């Protein structure tokens, strides 16, 4: 779908070009995003990571049935069908992290997806691409850490170029980017733009997300509590506040997996639904994100919660005209609205 087509569709339906929007982005990484934590095959979280291979098709079925659009930010390694492909697209310029545990190039991996389902996922990437409304985006090539010592913007650019190249090898040219561990740095915006990324998921502008807050324990505790109780606001994003080149499309909330405590799980869903309703009433964007492996354990229960969130979105769609959008959809509508404001 190109931007001009979307503009004509919005006019034909009598819909504003920038209606309230429900945006979903998923950080698809498997073991590449956890290699510094899950360090042995016996680690208990391996089962959760493998569970993502069941969760992804199940989420896609739900998205297809409910006509939900979503962005899948995918680590470049996962596009490879085998070790030879991975080697061919790996950049020659690489970061030299001061903490070697962050370096995914050190990992010993299998030959292909059949032998190593934690490090290859070409079949799942293809399944995502074949599902209507799903956007293939990038999560960098190597699960790159922008805030680690021992790497530079030039290293980052090489990583992004490799991510773009391996995606093109599979038939995609991603325009949206998500940065691992949400490590956004202004010095890295130019490399994003130069490689061809046109939007990225930025951090919420609220307590608990500032890089300058040195107490990581406090930040983590605040984020956790805020998932259940409103401590920092509802975090809808005003269309007019979208800015930057590439465009910053900030996150609103992280969808935490079930805790197995009914009272807490109910609070978490209520927190999200209240924020969605406020965004819908105010004509704003609500941007929800999570990792597929968050659903790798207790998959059916987590899918029921997701179905409940989507059902609530559908009621907001009827009541307030809220629309399901990928990050790429937001980018296109923003660009059309800012170049032709009379159509909004």
Protein backbone atom coordinates (compact mmCIF):
# COMPACT_ATOMS: atom_id res chain seq x y z
CA UNK A 1 0.00 0.00 0.00
CA UNK A 2 1.51 3.33 -1.01
CA UNK A 3 0.87 6.64 0.68
CA UNK A 4 -1.23 8.12 -2.15
CA UNK A 5 -3.51 5.08 -2.13
CA UNK A 6 -3.95 5.44 1.62
CA UNK A 7 -4.86 9.10 1.22
CA UNK A 8 -7.51 8.27 -1.40
CA UNK A 9 -8.89 5.49 0.81
CA UNK A 10 -9.16 7.81 3.81
CA UNK A 11 -11.01 10.38 1.72
CA UNK A 12 -13.35 7.78 0.23
CA UNK A 13 -14.25 6.44 3.66
CA UNK A 14 -14.70 9.91 5.11
CA UNK A 15 -11.99 9.10 7.65
CA UNK A 16 -9.38 11.58 8.86
CA UNK A 17 -5.90 10.75 7.64
CA UNK A 18 -4.68 10.71 11.25
CA UNK A 19 -7.35 8.94 13.31
CA UNK A 20 -6.68 7.48 16.76
CA UNK A 21 -4.37 4.54 16.18
CA UNK A 22 -3.56 1.25 17.87
CA UNK A 23 0.02 0.33 16.94
CA UNK A 24 1.69 -2.99 17.75
CA UNK A 25 5.42 -3.66 17.37
CA UNK A 26 7.15 -6.90 18.28
CA UNK A 27 10.87 -7.41 18.97
CA UNK A 28 11.64 -10.73 17.25
CA UNK A 29 15.03 -11.93 18.45
CA UNK A 30 15.01 -15.51 19.84
CA UNK A 31 18.33 -16.28 21.55
CA UNK A 32 20.19 -13.41 19.86
CA UNK A 33 18.57 -10.98 22.29
CA UNK A 34 19.26 -13.08 25.38
CA UNK A 35 22.73 -14.50 24.72
CA UNK A 36 24.29 -12.50 27.56
CA UNK A 37 21.72 -13.96 30.00
CA UNK A 38 20.90 -17.41 28.62
CA UNK A 39 24.45 -18.72 28.44
CA UNK A 40 23.99 -22.51 28.43
CA UNK A 41 21.61 -24.94 26.68
CA UNK A 42 20.43 -26.02 30.15
CA UNK A 43 19.26 -22.54 31.13
CA UNK A 44 15.55 -22.68 32.11
CA UNK A 45 14.68 -19.78 29.78
CA UNK A 46 15.63 -21.82 26.70
CA UNK A 47 12.20 -23.42 26.87
CA UNK A 48 10.61 -19.97 26.77
CA UNK A 49 12.67 -18.98 23.73
CA UNK A 50 11.74 -22.17 21.90
CA UNK A 51 8.12 -21.51 22.84
CA UNK A 52 8.25 -18.40 20.66
CA UNK A 53 8.21 -20.71 17.65
CA UNK A 54 4.69 -21.76 18.63
CA UNK A 55 3.64 -18.31 19.79
CA UNK A 56 4.50 -16.53 16.51
CA UNK A 57 2.13 -18.57 14.27
CA UNK A 58 -0.59 -18.36 16.93
CA UNK A 59 -0.29 -14.57 17.13
CA UNK A 60 -0.37 -14.34 13.35
CA UNK A 61 -3.56 -16.41 13.26
CA UNK A 62 -5.13 -14.02 15.76
CA UNK A 63 -3.97 -10.95 13.82
CA UNK A 64 -5.33 -12.41 10.59
CA UNK A 65 -8.71 -13.25 12.12
CA UNK A 66 -9.10 -9.84 13.76
CA UNK A 67 -7.55 -7.78 10.91
CA UNK A 68 -4.73 -6.46 13.10
CA UNK A 69 -1.71 -4.81 11.52
CA UNK A 70 1.65 -5.07 13.29
CA UNK A 71 5.36 -4.40 12.90
CA UNK A 72 7.82 -7.28 13.40
CA UNK A 73 11.27 -5.87 14.19
CA UNK A 74 13.48 -8.84 13.32
CA UNK A 75 17.16 -9.45 14.13
CA UNK A 76 19.07 -9.75 10.86
CA UNK A 77 20.53 -13.15 11.75
CA UNK A 78 17.02 -14.65 11.73
CA UNK A 79 16.61 -13.97 8.00
CA UNK A 80 19.40 -16.43 7.14
CA UNK A 81 18.47 -19.90 5.95
CA UNK A 82 21.86 -21.37 6.80
CA UNK A 83 25.33 -20.64 8.11
CA UNK A 84 26.71 -19.82 4.65
CA UNK A 85 24.07 -17.11 4.15
CA UNK A 86 24.76 -15.69 7.58
CA UNK A 87 28.47 -15.52 6.86
CA UNK A 88 27.92 -13.91 3.46
CA UNK A 89 25.90 -11.01 4.89
CA UNK A 90 27.80 -10.47 8.15
CA UNK A 91 29.60 -7.10 8.12
CA UNK A 92 33.39 -7.01 8.13
CA UNK A 93 33.29 -4.00 10.44
CA UNK A 94 32.03 -5.07 13.85
CA UNK A 95 31.71 -3.58 17.32
CA UNK A 96 34.30 -4.46 19.95
CA UNK A 97 32.22 -4.32 23.10
CA UNK A 98 34.10 -3.85 26.34
CA UNK A 99 31.78 -6.51 27.75
CA UNK A 100 32.37 -9.58 25.54
CA UNK A 101 29.09 -11.12 26.70
CA UNK A 102 27.32 -8.60 24.45
CA UNK A 103 29.12 -9.84 21.32
CA UNK A 104 26.85 -12.19 19.38
CA UNK A 105 29.57 -12.92 16.85
CA UNK A 106 31.25 -15.08 19.47
CA UNK A 107 28.41 -17.61 19.55
CA UNK A 108 28.76 -21.11 18.17
CA UNK A 109 25.64 -21.86 16.15
CA UNK A 110 24.26 -24.70 14.05
CA UNK A 111 24.09 -25.10 10.30
CA UNK A 112 20.47 -24.15 9.67
CA UNK A 113 17.01 -23.72 11.16
CA UNK A 114 16.34 -27.44 11.47
CA UNK A 115 19.46 -28.03 13.52
CA UNK A 116 19.39 -24.74 15.45
CA UNK A 117 15.90 -23.27 15.95
CA UNK A 118 17.19 -20.71 18.47
CA UNK A 119 19.33 -18.85 15.92
CA UNK A 120 17.58 -19.19 12.55
CA UNK A 121 13.97 -18.35 11.74
CA UNK A 122 13.62 -17.95 7.98
CA UNK A 123 10.42 -20.04 7.98
CA UNK A 124 8.85 -17.74 10.58
CA UNK A 125 9.95 -14.60 8.74
CA UNK A 126 8.27 -15.97 5.61
CA UNK A 127 5.12 -16.78 7.58
CA UNK A 128 4.99 -13.24 8.97
CA UNK A 129 5.43 -11.78 5.49
CA UNK A 130 2.63 -13.96 4.09
CA UNK A 131 0.15 -12.76 6.74
CA UNK A 132 -1.91 -9.73 5.65
CA UNK A 133 -1.10 -6.44 7.37
CA UNK A 134 2.23 -7.50 8.85
CA UNK A 135 5.28 -5.26 8.37
CA UNK A 136 8.77 -6.76 8.27
CA UNK A 137 11.06 -4.31 10.09
CA UNK A 138 14.60 -4.46 11.46
CA UNK A 139 15.96 -5.06 14.93
CA UNK A 140 19.52 -4.42 13.65
CA UNK A 141 21.66 -7.22 12.20
CA UNK A 142 23.42 -8.56 15.29
CA UNK A 143 21.18 -7.26 18.10
CA UNK A 144 23.41 -4.20 18.28
CA UNK A 145 23.91 -2.29 21.57
CA UNK A 146 24.16 1.46 21.02
CA UNK A 147 25.02 2.30 24.65
CA UNK A 148 27.81 -0.23 25.17
CA UNK A 149 31.44 0.82 25.40
CA UNK A 150 33.63 -0.34 22.53
CA UNK A 151 31.40 0.50 19.57
CA UNK A 152 30.95 3.59 17.37
CA UNK A 153 28.33 5.14 15.07
CA UNK A 154 30.39 3.85 12.13
CA UNK A 155 30.15 0.29 13.50
CA UNK A 156 26.43 0.82 13.92
CA UNK A 157 26.03 1.95 10.31
CA UNK A 158 27.84 -1.17 9.09
CA UNK A 159 25.49 -3.31 11.17
CA UNK A 160 22.40 -1.58 9.76
CA UNK A 161 23.70 -1.92 6.20
CA UNK A 162 24.08 -5.66 6.78
CA UNK A 163 20.56 -5.82 8.25
CA UNK A 164 19.15 -4.10 5.18
CA UNK A 165 21.11 -6.34 2.82
CA UNK A 166 20.01 -9.64 4.36
CA UNK A 167 16.39 -8.44 4.47
CA UNK A 168 16.60 -7.55 0.77
CA UNK A 169 18.01 -11.03 0.14
CA UNK A 170 14.69 -12.40 1.45
CA UNK A 171 12.68 -9.88 -0.58
CA UNK A 172 12.09 -7.07 1.91
CA UNK A 173 13.31 -3.50 2.26
CA UNK A 174 12.41 -2.44 5.79
CA UNK A 175 11.69 1.20 6.52
CA UNK A 176 11.06 0.78 10.27
CA UNK A 177 13.71 0.09 12.91
CA UNK A 178 13.66 -0.86 16.59
CA UNK A 179 16.82 -0.65 18.68
CA UNK A 180 17.72 -3.52 21.02
CA UNK A 181 16.99 -2.81 24.67
CA UNK A 182 15.55 0.50 23.42
CA UNK A 183 19.04 2.04 23.44
CA UNK A 184 18.24 5.15 21.43
CA UNK A 185 21.07 7.63 20.93
CA UNK A 186 20.83 10.88 18.96
CA UNK A 187 24.29 10.35 17.46
CA UNK A 188 22.95 7.23 15.76
CA UNK A 189 20.04 8.85 13.93
CA UNK A 190 22.17 9.91 10.95
CA UNK A 191 23.39 6.34 10.24
CA UNK A 192 19.77 5.13 10.36
CA UNK A 193 18.76 7.73 7.81
CA UNK A 194 21.76 7.12 5.56
CA UNK A 195 21.10 3.37 5.37
CA UNK A 196 17.45 3.97 4.47
CA UNK A 197 15.41 3.61 7.66
CA UNK A 198 12.62 6.17 7.78
CA UNK A 199 11.18 5.64 11.26
CA UNK A 200 12.11 4.03 14.57
CA UNK A 201 10.50 3.27 17.90
CA UNK A 202 11.62 5.84 20.42
CA UNK A 203 11.34 5.74 24.20
CA UNK A 204 8.44 7.24 26.15
CA UNK A 205 9.16 10.69 27.54
CA UNK A 206 8.49 9.82 31.15
CA UNK A 207 10.18 8.82 34.39
CA UNK A 208 11.92 5.46 34.26
CA UNK A 209 13.12 5.79 30.66
CA UNK A 210 15.72 8.52 30.86
CA UNK A 211 19.26 7.38 30.12
CA UNK A 212 20.44 9.99 32.59
CA UNK A 213 18.72 8.28 35.52
CA UNK A 214 21.69 6.33 36.84
CA UNK A 215 19.85 4.12 39.31
CA UNK A 216 18.95 1.16 37.10
CA UNK A 217 17.22 -0.63 39.97
CA UNK A 218 14.91 2.32 40.53
CA UNK A 219 14.16 2.59 36.81
CA UNK A 220 13.30 -1.08 36.57
CA UNK A 221 11.10 -1.03 39.65
CA UNK A 222 9.24 2.05 38.43
CA UNK A 223 8.59 0.49 35.03
CA UNK A 224 7.36 -2.72 36.62
CA UNK A 225 4.97 -1.00 39.01
CA UNK A 226 3.76 1.34 36.29
CA UNK A 227 2.64 -1.70 34.28
CA UNK A 228 0.02 -2.42 36.92
CA UNK A 229 -0.80 0.96 38.47
CA UNK A 230 -0.88 4.37 36.81
CA UNK A 231 2.23 6.07 38.16
CA UNK A 232 3.37 7.98 35.07
CA UNK A 233 0.29 8.66 32.92
CA UNK A 234 -1.40 7.08 29.93
CA UNK A 235 1.25 7.78 27.26
CA UNK A 236 -0.81 8.33 24.18
CA UNK A 237 1.15 10.03 21.40
CA UNK A 238 -0.27 13.09 19.66
CA UNK A 239 0.07 12.95 15.89
CA UNK A 240 1.31 16.54 15.85
CA UNK A 241 4.12 15.62 18.24
CA UNK A 242 5.64 13.07 15.86
CA UNK A 243 8.95 14.45 14.67
CA UNK A 244 12.43 13.69 13.46
CA UNK A 245 14.15 12.22 10.42
CA UNK A 246 13.92 9.29 10.75
CA UNK A 247 10.52 9.72 12.39
CA UNK A 248 10.35 8.90 16.09
CA UNK A 249 7.25 6.80 16.83
CA UNK A 250 7.52 6.41 20.62
CA UNK A 251 6.42 3.36 22.56
CA UNK A 252 3.47 3.74 24.92
CA UNK A 253 3.55 0.55 26.99
CA UNK A 254 5.20 -2.86 27.20
CA UNK A 255 2.83 -5.84 27.29
CA UNK A 256 4.26 -7.89 30.12
CA UNK A 257 3.51 -11.62 30.12
CA UNK A 258 1.22 -13.16 32.68
CA UNK A 259 2.46 -13.47 36.24
CA UNK A 260 -0.02 -16.18 37.13
CA UNK A 261 -1.46 -14.03 39.90
CA UNK A 262 -5.07 -13.25 38.91
CA UNK A 263 -5.21 -9.90 40.70
CA UNK A 264 -1.98 -8.66 39.11
CA UNK A 265 -2.90 -9.94 35.66
CA UNK A 266 -6.25 -8.16 35.89
CA UNK A 267 -4.54 -4.90 36.94
CA UNK A 268 -2.14 -5.15 33.99
CA UNK A 269 -4.97 -5.53 31.47
CA UNK A 270 -6.98 -2.73 33.06
CA UNK A 271 -3.95 -0.42 32.94
CA UNK A 272 -3.52 -1.04 29.21
CA UNK A 273 -7.23 -0.73 28.40
CA UNK A 274 -7.56 2.54 30.30
CA UNK A 275 -4.62 3.97 28.38
CA UNK A 276 -6.05 2.75 25.06
CA UNK A 277 -9.41 4.37 25.79
CA UNK A 278 -7.84 7.68 26.70
CA UNK A 279 -5.78 7.67 23.48
CA UNK A 280 -8.86 6.81 21.42
CA UNK A 281 -10.92 9.60 22.99
CA UNK A 282 -8.14 12.15 22.41
CA UNK A 283 -7.36 11.09 18.82
CA UNK A 284 -3.91 9.82 19.77
CA UNK A 285 -1.64 6.87 18.99
CA UNK A 286 -1.30 4.04 21.50
CA UNK A 287 1.84 1.98 20.79
CA UNK A 288 2.05 -1.42 22.49
CA UNK A 289 5.11 -3.66 22.21
CA UNK A 290 6.51 -6.97 23.44
CA UNK A 291 8.75 -9.87 22.41
CA UNK A 292 7.26 -13.04 20.87
CA UNK A 293 9.16 -15.10 23.44
CA UNK A 294 7.22 -13.31 26.21
CA UNK A 295 4.40 -15.63 25.08
CA UNK A 296 6.73 -18.64 24.94
CA UNK A 297 5.52 -19.87 28.32
CA UNK A 298 1.83 -20.19 29.21
CA UNK A 299 1.18 -19.39 25.56
CA UNK A 300 -2.55 -20.03 25.51
CA UNK A 301 -3.22 -17.82 28.53
CA UNK A 302 -1.12 -14.98 27.12
CA UNK A 303 -2.95 -15.29 23.80
CA UNK A 304 -6.27 -15.00 25.61
CA UNK A 305 -5.06 -11.76 27.17
CA UNK A 306 -3.96 -10.48 23.76
CA UNK A 307 -7.34 -11.42 22.32
CA UNK A 308 -9.00 -9.45 25.13
CA UNK A 309 -6.87 -6.39 24.30
CA UNK A 310 -7.68 -6.70 20.62
CA UNK A 311 -11.37 -7.10 21.43
CA UNK A 312 -11.21 -3.90 23.45
CA UNK A 313 -9.52 -2.15 20.54
CA UNK A 314 -12.34 -3.27 18.27
CA UNK A 315 -14.89 -1.67 20.59
CA UNK A 316 -12.83 1.54 20.55
CA UNK A 317 -12.76 1.33 16.76
CA UNK A 318 -16.55 1.39 16.69
CA UNK A 319 -16.88 4.05 19.37
CA UNK A 320 -14.05 6.44 18.42
CA UNK A 321 -12.82 5.38 14.97
CA UNK A 322 -9.55 3.95 16.31
CA UNK A 323 -7.56 2.15 13.59
CA UNK A 324 -5.02 -0.68 13.67
CA UNK A 325 -1.70 0.44 12.19
CA UNK A 326 1.86 -0.73 11.79
CA UNK A 327 4.74 1.66 12.29
CA UNK A 328 4.98 1.93 8.51
CA UNK A 329 1.32 2.94 8.34
CA UNK A 330 1.93 5.70 10.89
CA UNK A 331 4.89 6.91 8.86
CA UNK A 332 2.87 7.07 5.63
CA UNK A 333 -0.08 8.84 7.18
CA UNK A 334 2.20 11.33 8.93
CA UNK A 335 4.06 12.12 5.72
CA UNK A 336 0.85 12.56 3.75
CA UNK A 337 -0.72 14.74 6.42
CA UNK A 338 2.33 17.01 6.72
CA UNK A 339 2.66 17.46 2.95
CA UNK A 340 -1.09 17.85 2.33
CA UNK A 341 -2.58 19.21 5.57
CA UNK A 342 -5.85 20.17 3.91
CA UNK A 343 -6.74 16.48 3.59
CA UNK A 344 -6.71 15.81 7.36
